[in-house]
Amino acid sequence: MSAFDEREKAFEAKYHLDEELAFKVNARRDKLLGLWVADKLGLKGDEAEAYARSVLETDMIDAAHATMLAKLHADLAAKEADVSVERLRHKMDKFYSEAYAQIVTDVAHGTLDVSPE
């Protein structure tokens, strides 16, 4: 295998690793956001976990997060919780940072596997 082929293979492996890491961070962020909203809705335990999973599934629909944010805003409005879409976006950004730190810690401690393929 030539040096060029090896380099190309290394770049492909890094790309796959970066994509998997981004997916895991986004999924963790969605779960944290879902649990935060669940708390605002008065959901606890299994109901809160199920709600957080539904948030994650909703975010898979579009990359801009508009569908997920609309769902969260509507759910909160139905319970008369006054949380704006802007605040939801702010919380989403905050939870992204938190999720990233959690994922990095989990990988460093060996409790989460992130492999390039």
PDB file of N, CA and C in Angstrom:
ATOM      1  N   MET A   1       0.848  -1.161   0.000  1.00  0.00           N
ATOM      2  CA  MET A   1       0.000   0.000   0.000  1.00  0.00           C
ATOM      3  C   MET A   1       0.903   1.237   0.000  1.00  0.00           C
ATOM      4  N   SER A   2       0.578   2.178  -0.865  1.00  0.00           N
ATOM      5  CA  SER A   2       1.404   3.376  -0.968  1.00  0.00           C
ATOM      6  C   SER A   2       1.112   4.330   0.188  1.00  0.00           C
ATOM      7  N   ALA A   3       2.004   5.282   0.370  1.00  0.00           N
ATOM      8  CA  ALA A   3       1.828   6.280   1.427  1.00  0.00           C
ATOM      9  C   ALA A   3       0.543   7.072   1.196  1.00  0.00           C
ATOM     10  N   PHE A   4       0.227   7.325  -0.063  1.00  0.00           N
ATOM     11  CA  PHE A   4      -1.004   8.051  -0.384  1.00  0.00           C
ATOM     12  C   PHE A   4      -2.228   7.239   0.033  1.00  0.00           C
ATOM     13  N   ASP A   5      -2.224   5.938  -0.247  1.00  0.00           N
ATOM     14  CA  ASP A   5      -3.340   5.072   0.140  1.00  0.00           C
ATOM     15  C   ASP A   5      -3.496   5.009   1.662  1.00  0.00           C
ATOM     16  N   GLU A   6      -2.359   4.922   2.358  1.00  0.00           N
ATOM     17  CA  GLU A   6      -2.407   4.887   3.821  1.00  0.00           C
ATOM     18  C   GLU A   6      -2.962   6.199   4.382  1.00  0.00           C
ATOM     19  N   ARG A   7      -2.544   7.288   3.790  1.00  0.00           N
ATOM     20  CA  ARG A   7      -3.030   8.597   4.239  1.00  0.00           C
ATOM     21  C   ARG A   7      -4.528   8.726   3.979  1.00  0.00           C
ATOM     22  N   GLU A   8      -4.964   8.286   2.820  1.00  0.00           N
ATOM     23  CA  GLU A   8      -6.389   8.337   2.497  1.00  0.00           C
ATOM     24  C   GLU A   8      -7.200   7.486   3.475  1.00  0.00           C
ATOM     25  N   LYS A   9      -6.705   6.308   3.792  1.00  0.00           N
ATOM     26  CA  LYS A   9      -7.383   5.428   4.735  1.00  0.00           C
ATOM     27  C   LYS A   9      -7.456   6.073   6.129  1.00  0.00           C
ATOM     28  N   ALA A  10      -6.375   6.738   6.540  1.00  0.00           N
ATOM     29  CA  ALA A  10      -6.357   7.420   7.837  1.00  0.00           C
ATOM     30  C   ALA A  10      -7.366   8.560   7.868  1.00  0.00           C
ATOM     31  N   PHE A  11      -7.464   9.318   6.786  1.00  0.00           N
ATOM     32  CA  PHE A  11      -8.444  10.404   6.725  1.00  0.00           C
ATOM     33  C   PHE A  11      -9.870   9.861   6.772  1.00  0.00           C
ATOM     34  N   GLU A  12     -10.109   8.758   6.085  1.00  0.00           N
ATOM     35  CA  GLU A  12     -11.441   8.143   6.116  1.00  0.00           C
ATOM     36  C   GLU A  12     -11.797   7.662   7.521  1.00  0.00           C
ATOM     37  N   ALA A  13     -10.830   7.065   8.200  1.00  0.00           N
ATOM     38  CA  ALA A  13     -11.073   6.587   9.567  1.00  0.00           C
ATOM     39  C   ALA A  13     -11.360   7.762  10.497  1.00  0.00           C
ATOM     40  N   LYS A  14     -10.618   8.855  10.338  1.00  0.00           N
ATOM     41  CA  LYS A  14     -10.842  10.034  11.176  1.00  0.00           C
ATOM     42  C   LYS A  14     -12.217  10.629  10.887  1.00  0.00           C
ATOM     43  N   TYR A  15     -12.604  10.673   9.639  1.00  0.00           N
ATOM     44  CA  TYR A  15     -13.925  11.193   9.276  1.00  0.00           C
ATOM     45  C   TYR A  15     -15.027  10.368   9.947  1.00  0.00           C
ATOM     46  N   HIS A  16     -14.926   9.048   9.877  1.00  0.00           N
ATOM     47  CA  HIS A  16     -15.935   8.179  10.489  1.00  0.00           C
ATOM     48  C   HIS A  16     -15.961   8.352  12.011  1.00  0.00           C
ATOM     49  N   LEU A  17     -14.792   8.476  12.606  1.00  0.00           N
ATOM     50  CA  LEU A  17     -14.703   8.689  14.049  1.00  0.00           C
ATOM     51  C   LEU A  17     -15.347  10.021  14.435  1.00  0.00           C
ATOM     52  N   ASP A  18     -15.043  11.074  13.692  1.00  0.00           N
ATOM     53  CA  ASP A  18     -15.636  12.388  13.958  1.00  0.00           C
ATOM     54  C   ASP A  18     -17.153  12.358  13.817  1.00  0.00           C
ATOM     55  N   GLU A  19     -17.638  11.663  12.802  1.00  0.00           N
ATOM     56  CA  GLU A  19     -19.084  11.561  12.591  1.00  0.00           C
ATOM     57  C   GLU A  19     -19.765  10.793  13.727  1.00  0.00           C
ATOM     58  N   GLU A  20     -19.156   9.709  14.174  1.00  0.00           N
ATOM     59  CA  GLU A  20     -19.735   8.934  15.267  1.00  0.00           C
ATOM     60  C   GLU A  20     -19.733   9.749  16.557  1.00  0.00           C
ATOM     61  N   LEU A  21     -18.651  10.451  16.809  1.00  0.00           N
ATOM     62  CA  LEU A  21     -18.559  11.289  17.999  1.00  0.00           C
ATOM     63  C   LEU A  21     -19.626  12.391  17.948  1.00  0.00           C
ATOM     64  N   ALA A  22     -19.787  13.042  16.804  1.00  0.00           N
ATOM     65  CA  ALA A  22     -20.798  14.098  16.659  1.00  0.00           C
ATOM     66  C   ALA A  22     -22.197  13.539  16.886  1.00  0.00           C
ATOM     67  N   PHE A  23     -22.463  12.350  16.367  1.00  0.00           N
ATOM     68  CA  PHE A  23     -23.775  11.727  16.558  1.00  0.00           C
ATOM     69  C   PHE A  23     -24.033  11.474  18.043  1.00  0.00           C
ATOM     70  N   LYS A  24     -23.045  10.931  18.729  1.00  0.00           N
ATOM     71  CA  LYS A  24     -23.208  10.619  20.156  1.00  0.00           C
ATOM     72  C   LYS A  24     -23.399  11.891  20.982  1.00  0.00           C
ATOM     73  N   VAL A  25     -22.663  12.939  20.665  1.00  0.00           N
ATOM     74  CA  VAL A  25     -22.805  14.204  21.394  1.00  0.00           C
ATOM     75  C   VAL A  25     -24.190  14.791  21.144  1.00  0.00           C
ATOM     76  N   ASN A  26     -24.637  14.796  19.895  1.00  0.00           N
ATOM     77  CA  ASN A  26     -25.964  15.338  19.583  1.00  0.00           C
ATOM     78  C   ASN A  26     -27.066  14.529  20.252  1.00  0.00           C
ATOM     79  N   ALA A  27     -26.925  13.224  20.272  1.00  0.00           N
ATOM     80  CA  ALA A  27     -27.927  12.379  20.925  1.00  0.00           C
ATOM     81  C   ALA A  27     -27.964  12.657  22.426  1.00  0.00           C
ATOM     82  N   ARG A  28     -26.794  12.803  23.039  1.00  0.00           N
ATOM     83  CA  ARG A  28     -26.746  13.100  24.475  1.00  0.00           C
ATOM     84  C   ARG A  28     -27.344  14.480  24.741  1.00  0.00           C
ATOM     85  N   ARG A  29     -27.034  15.451  23.882  1.00  0.00           N
ATOM     86  CA  ARG A  29     -27.603  16.796  24.025  1.00  0.00           C
ATOM     87  C   ARG A  29     -29.121  16.748  23.970  1.00  0.00           C
ATOM     88  N   ASP A  30     -29.659  16.006  23.001  1.00  0.00           N
ATOM     89  CA  ASP A  30     -31.109  15.892  22.866  1.00  0.00           C
ATOM     90  C   ASP A  30     -31.733  15.252  24.096  1.00  0.00           C
ATOM     91  N   LYS A  31     -31.051  14.246  24.652  1.00  0.00           N
ATOM     92  CA  LYS A  31     -31.572  13.595  25.853  1.00  0.00           C
ATOM     93  C   LYS A  31     -31.586  14.568  27.026  1.00  0.00           C
ATOM     94  N   LEU A  32     -30.500  15.312  27.204  1.00  0.00           N
ATOM     95  CA  LEU A  32     -30.444  16.284  28.293  1.00  0.00           C
ATOM     96  C   LEU A  32     -31.525  17.353  28.139  1.00  0.00           C
ATOM     97  N   LEU A  33     -31.705  17.837  26.915  1.00  0.00           N
ATOM     98  CA  LEU A  33     -32.749  18.827  26.655  1.00  0.00           C
ATOM     99  C   LEU A  33     -34.129  18.230  26.904  1.00  0.00           C
ATOM    100  N   GLY A  34     -34.328  17.002  26.454  1.00  0.00           N
ATOM    101  CA  GLY A  34     -35.605  16.324  26.672  1.00  0.00           C
ATOM    102  C   GLY A  34     -35.910  16.130  28.144  1.00  0.00           C
ATOM    103  N   LEU A  35     -34.894  15.780  28.929  1.00  0.00           N
ATOM    104  CA  LEU A  35     -35.096  15.610  30.371  1.00  0.00           C
ATOM    105  C   LEU A  35     -35.394  16.946  31.052  1.00  0.00           C
ATOM    106  N   TRP A  36     -34.771  18.011  30.577  1.00  0.00           N
ATOM    107  CA  TRP A  36     -35.029  19.341  31.131  1.00  0.00           C
ATOM    108  C   TRP A  36     -36.480  19.753  30.864  1.00  0.00           C
ATOM    109  N   VAL A  37     -36.929  19.543  29.625  1.00  0.00           N
ATOM    110  CA  VAL A  37     -38.318  19.872  29.287  1.00  0.00           C
ATOM    111  C   VAL A  37     -39.276  18.953  30.039  1.00  0.00           C
ATOM    112  N   ALA A  38     -38.943  17.677  30.140  1.00  0.00           N
ATOM    113  CA  ALA A  38     -39.790  16.733  30.877  1.00  0.00           C
ATOM    114  C   ALA A  38     -40.003  17.216  32.309  1.00  0.00           C
ATOM    115  N   ASP A  39     -38.948  17.723  32.920  1.00  0.00           N
ATOM    116  CA  ASP A  39     -39.070  18.256  34.276  1.00  0.00           C
ATOM    117  C   ASP A  39     -40.036  19.441  34.304  1.00  0.00           C
ATOM    118  N   LYS A  40     -39.933  20.309  33.298  1.00  0.00           N
ATOM    119  CA  LYS A  40     -40.851  21.456  33.199  1.00  0.00           C
ATOM    120  C   LYS A  40     -42.293  20.991  33.015  1.00  0.00           C
ATOM    121  N   LEU A  41     -42.463  19.829  32.371  1.00  0.00           N
ATOM    122  CA  LEU A  41     -43.802  19.284  32.128  1.00  0.00           C
ATOM    123  C   LEU A  41     -44.314  18.470  33.312  1.00  0.00           C
ATOM    124  N   GLY A  42     -43.464  18.285  34.314  1.00  0.00           N
ATOM    125  CA  GLY A  42     -43.865  17.522  35.493  1.00  0.00           C
ATOM    126  C   GLY A  42     -43.718  16.020  35.341  1.00  0.00           C
ATOM    127  N   LEU A  43     -42.952  15.590  34.342  1.00  0.00           N
ATOM    128  CA  LEU A  43     -42.742  14.160  34.118  1.00  0.00           C
ATOM    129  C   LEU A  43     -41.560  13.681  34.956  1.00  0.00           C
ATOM    130  N   LYS A  44     -41.680  12.482  35.480  1.00  0.00           N
ATOM    131  CA  LYS A  44     -40.628  11.907  36.316  1.00  0.00           C
ATOM    132  C   LYS A  44     -40.341  10.471  35.886  1.00  0.00           C
ATOM    133  N   GLY A  45     -39.180   9.966  36.255  1.00  0.00           N
ATOM    134  CA  GLY A  45     -38.829   8.562  36.058  1.00  0.00           C
ATOM    135  C   GLY A  45     -38.934   8.091  34.618  1.00  0.00           C
ATOM    136  N   ASP A  46     -39.631   6.973  34.440  1.00  0.00           N
ATOM    137  CA  ASP A  46     -39.758   6.358  33.114  1.00  0.00           C
ATOM    138  C   ASP A  46     -40.451   7.273  32.114  1.00  0.00           C
ATOM    139  N   GLU A  47     -41.424   8.057  32.591  1.00  0.00           N
ATOM    140  CA  GLU A  47     -42.116   8.985  31.690  1.00  0.00           C
ATOM    141  C   GLU A  47     -41.150  10.043  31.156  1.00  0.00           C
ATOM    142  N   ALA A  48     -40.292  10.550  32.029  1.00  0.00           N
ATOM    143  CA  ALA A  48     -39.299  11.546  31.616  1.00  0.00           C
ATOM    144  C   ALA A  48     -38.312  10.940  30.620  1.00  0.00           C
ATOM    145  N   GLU A  49     -37.864   9.713  30.896  1.00  0.00           N
ATOM    146  CA  GLU A  49     -36.938   9.036  29.981  1.00  0.00           C
ATOM    147  C   GLU A  49     -37.584   8.796  28.616  1.00  0.00           C
ATOM    148  N   ALA A  50     -38.850   8.371  28.617  1.00  0.00           N
ATOM    149  CA  ALA A  50     -39.565   8.142  27.361  1.00  0.00           C
ATOM    150  C   ALA A  50     -39.731   9.452  26.595  1.00  0.00           C
ATOM    151  N   TYR A  51     -40.018  10.518  27.304  1.00  0.00           N
ATOM    152  CA  TYR A  51     -40.158  11.821  26.652  1.00  0.00           C
ATOM    153  C   TYR A  51     -38.826  12.235  26.029  1.00  0.00           C
ATOM    154  N   ALA A  52     -37.728  12.057  26.768  1.00  0.00           N
ATOM    155  CA  ALA A  52     -36.399  12.412  26.253  1.00  0.00           C
ATOM    156  C   ALA A  52     -36.077  11.611  24.988  1.00  0.00           C
ATOM    157  N   ARG A  53     -36.453  10.319  24.968  1.00  0.00           N
ATOM    158  CA  ARG A  53     -36.235   9.496  23.763  1.00  0.00           C
ATOM    159  C   ARG A  53     -37.046  10.046  22.592  1.00  0.00           C
ATOM    160  N   SER A  54     -38.273  10.499  22.876  1.00  0.00           N
ATOM    161  CA  SER A  54     -39.106  11.039  21.794  1.00  0.00           C
ATOM    162  C   SER A  54     -38.500  12.323  21.225  1.00  0.00           C
ATOM    163  N   VAL A  55     -37.834  13.095  22.080  1.00  0.00           N
ATOM    164  CA  VAL A  55     -37.159  14.317  21.616  1.00  0.00           C
ATOM    165  C   VAL A  55     -36.019  13.935  20.677  1.00  0.00           C
ATOM    166  N   LEU A  56     -35.241  12.947  21.076  1.00  0.00           N
ATOM    167  CA  LEU A  56     -34.134  12.484  20.246  1.00  0.00           C
ATOM    168  C   LEU A  56     -34.643  12.011  18.883  1.00  0.00           C
ATOM    169  N   GLU A  57     -35.726  11.240  18.884  1.00  0.00           N
ATOM    170  CA  GLU A  57     -36.293  10.742  17.626  1.00  0.00           C
ATOM    171  C   GLU A  57     -36.804  11.880  16.757  1.00  0.00           C
ATOM    172  N   THR A  58     -37.398  12.891  17.385  1.00  0.00           N
ATOM    173  CA  THR A  58     -37.911  14.034  16.634  1.00  0.00           C
ATOM    174  C   THR A  58     -36.772  14.816  15.998  1.00  0.00           C
ATOM    175  N   ASP A  59     -35.632  14.900  16.687  1.00  0.00           N
ATOM    176  CA  ASP A  59     -34.507  15.662  16.141  1.00  0.00           C
ATOM    177  C   ASP A  59     -33.875  14.979  14.942  1.00  0.00           C
ATOM    178  N   MET A  60     -34.134  13.699  14.756  1.00  0.00           N
ATOM    179  CA  MET A  60     -33.594  12.985  13.591  1.00  0.00           C
ATOM    180  C   MET A  60     -34.279  13.433  12.291  1.00  0.00           C
ATOM    181  N   ILE A  61     -35.401  14.119  12.415  1.00  0.00           N
ATOM    182  CA  ILE A  61     -36.196  14.490  11.242  1.00  0.00           C
ATOM    183  C   ILE A  61     -35.519  15.567  10.406  1.00  0.00           C
ATOM    184  N   ASP A  62     -34.950  16.589  11.072  1.00  0.00           N
ATOM    185  CA  ASP A  62     -34.286  17.623  10.288  1.00  0.00           C
ATOM    186  C   ASP A  62     -33.052  18.142  11.006  1.00  0.00           C
ATOM    187  N   ALA A  63     -32.048  18.475  10.232  1.00  0.00           N
ATOM    188  CA  ALA A  63     -30.753  18.880  10.787  1.00  0.00           C
ATOM    189  C   ALA A  63     -30.795  20.265  11.418  1.00  0.00           C
ATOM    190  N   ALA A  64     -31.777  21.073  11.079  1.00  0.00           N
ATOM    191  CA  ALA A  64     -31.860  22.432  11.616  1.00  0.00           C
ATOM    192  C   ALA A  64     -32.542  22.472  12.980  1.00  0.00           C
ATOM    193  N   HIS A  65     -33.048  21.349  13.441  1.00  0.00           N
ATOM    194  CA  HIS A  65     -33.689  21.207  14.753  1.00  0.00           C
ATOM    195  C   HIS A  65     -35.042  21.901  14.855  1.00  0.00           C
ATOM    196  N   ALA A  66     -35.570  22.427  13.755  1.00  0.00           N
ATOM    197  CA  ALA A  66     -36.832  23.168  13.802  1.00  0.00           C
ATOM    198  C   ALA A  66     -37.990  22.292  14.269  1.00  0.00           C
ATOM    199  N   THR A  67     -38.047  21.056  13.813  1.00  0.00           N
ATOM    200  CA  THR A  67     -39.135  20.153  14.195  1.00  0.00           C
ATOM    201  C   THR A  67     -39.072  19.855  15.690  1.00  0.00           C
ATOM    202  N   MET A  68     -37.885  19.574  16.186  1.00  0.00           N
ATOM    203  CA  MET A  68     -37.724  19.282  17.601  1.00  0.00           C
ATOM    204  C   MET A  68     -38.092  20.491  18.454  1.00  0.00           C
ATOM    205  N   LEU A  69     -37.600  21.660  18.078  1.00  0.00           N
ATOM    206  CA  LEU A  69     -37.889  22.863  18.856  1.00  0.00           C
ATOM    207  C   LEU A  69     -39.374  23.208  18.821  1.00  0.00           C
ATOM    208  N   ALA A  70     -40.016  22.995  17.685  1.00  0.00           N
ATOM    209  CA  ALA A  70     -41.458  23.245  17.586  1.00  0.00           C
ATOM    210  C   ALA A  70     -42.225  22.295  18.495  1.00  0.00           C
ATOM    211  N   LYS A  71     -41.810  21.029  18.537  1.00  0.00           N
ATOM    212  CA  LYS A  71     -42.461  20.045  19.412  1.00  0.00           C
ATOM    213  C   LYS A  71     -42.305  20.451  20.872  1.00  0.00           C
ATOM    214  N   LEU A  72     -41.079  20.784  21.258  1.00  0.00           N
ATOM    215  CA  LEU A  72     -40.831  21.163  22.642  1.00  0.00           C
ATOM    216  C   LEU A  72     -41.633  22.398  23.027  1.00  0.00           C
ATOM    217  N   HIS A  73     -41.623  23.397  22.140  1.00  0.00           N
ATOM    218  CA  HIS A  73     -42.352  24.633  22.413  1.00  0.00           C
ATOM    219  C   HIS A  73     -43.857  24.354  22.535  1.00  0.00           C
ATOM    220  N   ALA A  74     -44.393  23.535  21.655  1.00  0.00           N
ATOM    221  CA  ALA A  74     -45.824  23.203  21.703  1.00  0.00           C
ATOM    222  C   ALA A  74     -46.163  22.425  22.975  1.00  0.00           C
ATOM    223  N   ASP A  75     -45.314  21.472  23.343  1.00  0.00           N
ATOM    224  CA  ASP A  75     -45.560  20.692  24.559  1.00  0.00           C
ATOM    225  C   ASP A  75     -45.549  21.596  25.792  1.00  0.00           C
ATOM    226  N   LEU A  76     -44.588  22.510  25.833  1.00  0.00           N
ATOM    227  CA  LEU A  76     -44.506  23.436  26.961  1.00  0.00           C
ATOM    228  C   LEU A  76     -45.689  24.402  26.972  1.00  0.00           C
ATOM    229  N   ALA A  77     -46.067  24.887  25.811  1.00  0.00           N
ATOM    230  CA  ALA A  77     -47.208  25.810  25.723  1.00  0.00           C
ATOM    231  C   ALA A  77     -48.497  25.123  26.166  1.00  0.00           C
ATOM    232  N   ALA A  78     -48.640  23.843  25.834  1.00  0.00           N
ATOM    233  CA  ALA A  78     -49.838  23.095  26.236  1.00  0.00           C
ATOM    234  C   ALA A  78     -49.944  22.985  27.755  1.00  0.00           C
ATOM    235  N   LYS A  79     -48.819  23.015  28.441  1.00  0.00           N
ATOM    236  CA  LYS A  79     -48.799  22.960  29.910  1.00  0.00           C
ATOM    237  C   LYS A  79     -48.681  24.362  30.513  1.00  0.00           C
ATOM    238  N   GLU A  80     -48.835  25.365  29.639  1.00  0.00           N
ATOM    239  CA  GLU A  80     -48.764  26.774  30.040  1.00  0.00           C
ATOM    240  C   GLU A  80     -47.421  27.148  30.666  1.00  0.00           C
ATOM    241  N   ALA A  81     -46.371  26.487  30.222  1.00  0.00           N
ATOM    242  CA  ALA A  81     -45.008  26.842  30.630  1.00  0.00           C
ATOM    243  C   ALA A  81     -44.481  27.863  29.629  1.00  0.00           C
ATOM    244  N   ASP A  82     -44.100  29.009  30.100  1.00  0.00           N
ATOM    245  CA  ASP A  82     -43.682  30.106  29.227  1.00  0.00           C
ATOM    246  C   ASP A  82     -42.189  29.996  28.916  1.00  0.00           C
ATOM    247  N   VAL A  83     -41.870  29.195  27.915  1.00  0.00           N
ATOM    248  CA  VAL A  83     -40.489  29.013  27.487  1.00  0.00           C
ATOM    249  C   VAL A  83     -40.439  29.296  25.991  1.00  0.00           C
ATOM    250  N   SER A  84     -39.673  30.319  25.624  1.00  0.00           N
ATOM    251  CA  SER A  84     -39.587  30.720  24.221  1.00  0.00           C
ATOM    252  C   SER A  84     -38.694  29.763  23.429  1.00  0.00           C
ATOM    253  N   VAL A  85     -38.839  29.823  22.120  1.00  0.00           N
ATOM    254  CA  VAL A  85     -37.984  29.029  21.241  1.00  0.00           C
ATOM    255  C   VAL A  85     -36.535  29.485  21.404  1.00  0.00           C
ATOM    256  N   GLU A  86     -36.333  30.781  21.614  1.00  0.00           N
ATOM    257  CA  GLU A  86     -34.977  31.294  21.813  1.00  0.00           C
ATOM    258  C   GLU A  86     -34.355  30.694  23.078  1.00  0.00           C
ATOM    259  N   ARG A  87     -35.147  30.590  24.143  1.00  0.00           N
ATOM    260  CA  ARG A  87     -34.625  29.976  25.366  1.00  0.00           C
ATOM    261  C   ARG A  87     -34.327  28.498  25.131  1.00  0.00           C
ATOM    262  N   LEU A  88     -35.181  27.829  24.380  1.00  0.00           N
ATOM    263  CA  LEU A  88     -34.928  26.421  24.058  1.00  0.00           C
ATOM    264  C   LEU A  88     -33.616  26.281  23.289  1.00  0.00           C
ATOM    265  N   ARG A  89     -33.385  27.164  22.330  1.00  0.00           N
ATOM    266  CA  ARG A  89     -32.126  27.134  21.567  1.00  0.00           C
ATOM    267  C   ARG A  89     -30.931  27.373  22.487  1.00  0.00           C
ATOM    268  N   HIS A  90     -31.082  28.318  23.401  1.00  0.00           N
ATOM    269  CA  HIS A  90     -30.013  28.604  24.358  1.00  0.00           C
ATOM    270  C   HIS A  90     -29.722  27.370  25.216  1.00  0.00           C
ATOM    271  N   LYS A  91     -30.760  26.723  25.711  1.00  0.00           N
ATOM    272  CA  LYS A  91     -30.582  25.512  26.518  1.00  0.00           C
ATOM    273  C   LYS A  91     -29.951  24.403  25.672  1.00  0.00           C
ATOM    274  N   MET A  92     -30.371  24.305  24.407  1.00  0.00           N
ATOM    275  CA  MET A  92     -29.815  23.292  23.523  1.00  0.00           C
ATOM    276  C   MET A  92     -28.306  23.510  23.371  1.00  0.00           C
ATOM    277  N   ASP A  93     -27.882  24.758  23.204  1.00  0.00           N
ATOM    278  CA  ASP A  93     -26.454  25.069  23.090  1.00  0.00           C
ATOM    279  C   ASP A  93     -25.714  24.735  24.384  1.00  0.00           C
ATOM    280  N   LYS A  94     -26.314  25.064  25.510  1.00  0.00           N
ATOM    281  CA  LYS A  94     -25.710  24.769  26.808  1.00  0.00           C
ATOM    282  C   LYS A  94     -25.561  23.258  26.981  1.00  0.00           C
ATOM    283  N   PHE A  95     -26.616  22.526  26.624  1.00  0.00           N
ATOM    284  CA  PHE A  95     -26.564  21.077  26.776  1.00  0.00           C
ATOM    285  C   PHE A  95     -25.599  20.438  25.788  1.00  0.00           C
ATOM    286  N   TYR A  96     -25.337  21.080  24.645  1.00  0.00           N
ATOM    287  CA  TYR A  96     -24.335  20.556  23.710  1.00  0.00           C
ATOM    288  C   TYR A  96     -22.963  20.548  24.389  1.00  0.00           C
ATOM    289  N   SER A  97     -22.624  21.654  25.024  1.00  0.00           N
ATOM    290  CA  SER A  97     -21.331  21.741  25.717  1.00  0.00           C
ATOM    291  C   SER A  97     -21.240  20.696  26.823  1.00  0.00           C
ATOM    292  N   GLU A  98     -22.317  20.549  27.568  1.00  0.00           N
ATOM    293  CA  GLU A  98     -22.352  19.561  28.648  1.00  0.00           C
ATOM    294  C   GLU A  98     -22.249  18.138  28.093  1.00  0.00           C
ATOM    295  N   ALA A  99     -22.972  17.879  27.010  1.00  0.00           N
ATOM    296  CA  ALA A  99     -22.950  16.550  26.397  1.00  0.00           C
ATOM    297  C   ALA A  99     -21.554  16.222  25.873  1.00  0.00           C
ATOM    298  N   TYR A 100     -20.907  17.190  25.250  1.00  0.00           N
ATOM    299  CA  TYR A 100     -19.558  16.975  24.726  1.00  0.00           C
ATOM    300  C   TYR A 100     -18.611  16.596  25.856  1.00  0.00           C
ATOM    301  N   ALA A 101     -18.677  17.339  26.954  1.00  0.00           N
ATOM    302  CA  ALA A 101     -17.812  17.038  28.099  1.00  0.00           C
ATOM    303  C   ALA A 101     -18.105  15.646  28.652  1.00  0.00           C
ATOM    304  N   GLN A 102     -19.370  15.276  28.728  1.00  0.00           N
ATOM    305  CA  GLN A 102     -19.734  13.951  29.228  1.00  0.00           C
ATOM    306  C   GLN A 102     -19.206  12.846  28.320  1.00  0.00           C
ATOM    307  N   ILE A 103     -19.364  13.025  27.018  1.00  0.00           N
ATOM    308  CA  ILE A 103     -18.913  12.003  26.058  1.00  0.00           C
ATOM    309  C   ILE A 103     -17.403  11.855  26.131  1.00  0.00           C
ATOM    310  N   VAL A 104     -16.684  12.960  26.164  1.00  0.00           N
ATOM    311  CA  VAL A 104     -15.218  12.902  26.252  1.00  0.00           C
ATOM    312  C   VAL A 104     -14.799  12.171  27.520  1.00  0.00           C
ATOM    313  N   THR A 105     -15.461  12.474  28.637  1.00  0.00           N
ATOM    314  CA  THR A 105     -15.153  11.798  29.907  1.00  0.00           C
ATOM    315  C   THR A 105     -15.459  10.310  29.822  1.00  0.00           C
ATOM    316  N   ASP A 106     -16.613   9.971  29.243  1.00  0.00           N
ATOM    317  CA  ASP A 106     -16.987   8.556  29.110  1.00  0.00           C
ATOM    318  C   ASP A 106     -15.981   7.789  28.243  1.00  0.00           C
ATOM    319  N   VAL A 107     -15.546   8.397  27.161  1.00  0.00           N
ATOM    320  CA  VAL A 107     -14.567   7.748  26.286  1.00  0.00           C
ATOM    321  C   VAL A 107     -13.236   7.593  27.022  1.00  0.00           C
ATOM    322  N   ALA A 108     -12.825   8.636  27.735  1.00  0.00           N
ATOM    323  CA  ALA A 108     -11.549   8.587  28.463  1.00  0.00           C
ATOM    324  C   ALA A 108     -11.553   7.518  29.558  1.00  0.00           C
ATOM    325  N   HIS A 109     -12.711   7.312  30.175  1.00  0.00           N
ATOM    326  CA  HIS A 109     -12.807   6.312  31.239  1.00  0.00           C
ATOM    327  C   HIS A 109     -13.143   4.917  30.709  1.00  0.00           C
ATOM    328  N   GLY A 110     -13.317   4.813  29.417  1.00  0.00           N
ATOM    329  CA  GLY A 110     -13.597   3.506  28.815  1.00  0.00           C
ATOM    330  C   GLY A 110     -15.022   3.026  28.987  1.00  0.00           C
ATOM    331  N   THR A 111     -15.935   3.909  29.406  1.00  0.00           N
ATOM    332  CA  THR A 111     -17.338   3.504  29.589  1.00  0.00           C
ATOM    333  C   THR A 111     -18.152   3.712  28.320  1.00  0.00           C
ATOM    334  N   LEU A 112     -17.530   4.309  27.295  1.00  0.00           N
ATOM    335  CA  LEU A 112     -18.191   4.512  26.006  1.00  0.00           C
ATOM    336  C   LEU A 112     -17.176   4.251  24.919  1.00  0.00           C
ATOM    337  N   ASP A 113     -17.570   3.430  23.952  1.00  0.00           N
ATOM    338  CA  ASP A 113     -16.670   3.102  22.849  1.00  0.00           C
ATOM    339  C   ASP A 113     -17.027   3.944  21.641  1.00  0.00           C
ATOM    340  N   VAL A 114     -16.037   4.580  21.084  1.00  0.00           N
ATOM    341  CA  VAL A 114     -16.194   5.313  19.836  1.00  0.00           C
ATOM    342  C   VAL A 114     -15.149   4.762  18.890  1.00  0.00           C
ATOM    343  N   SER A 115     -15.622   4.050  17.867  1.00  0.00           N
ATOM    344  CA  SER A 115     -14.685   3.433  16.947  1.00  0.00           C
ATOM    345  C   SER A 115     -14.869   4.013  15.554  1.00  0.00           C
ATOM    346  N   PRO A 116     -13.825   4.046  14.753  1.00  0.00           N
ATOM    347  CA  PRO A 116     -13.912   4.675  13.443  1.00  0.00           C
ATOM    348  C   PRO A 116     -14.730   3.899  12.419  1.00  0.00           C
ATOM    349  N   GLU A 117     -15.178   2.701  12.733  1.00  0.00           N
ATOM    350  CA  GLU A 117     -15.949   1.957  11.741  1.00  0.00           C
ATOM    351  C   GLU A 117     -17.090   1.240  12.365  1.00  0.00           C
TER     352      GLU A 117
END
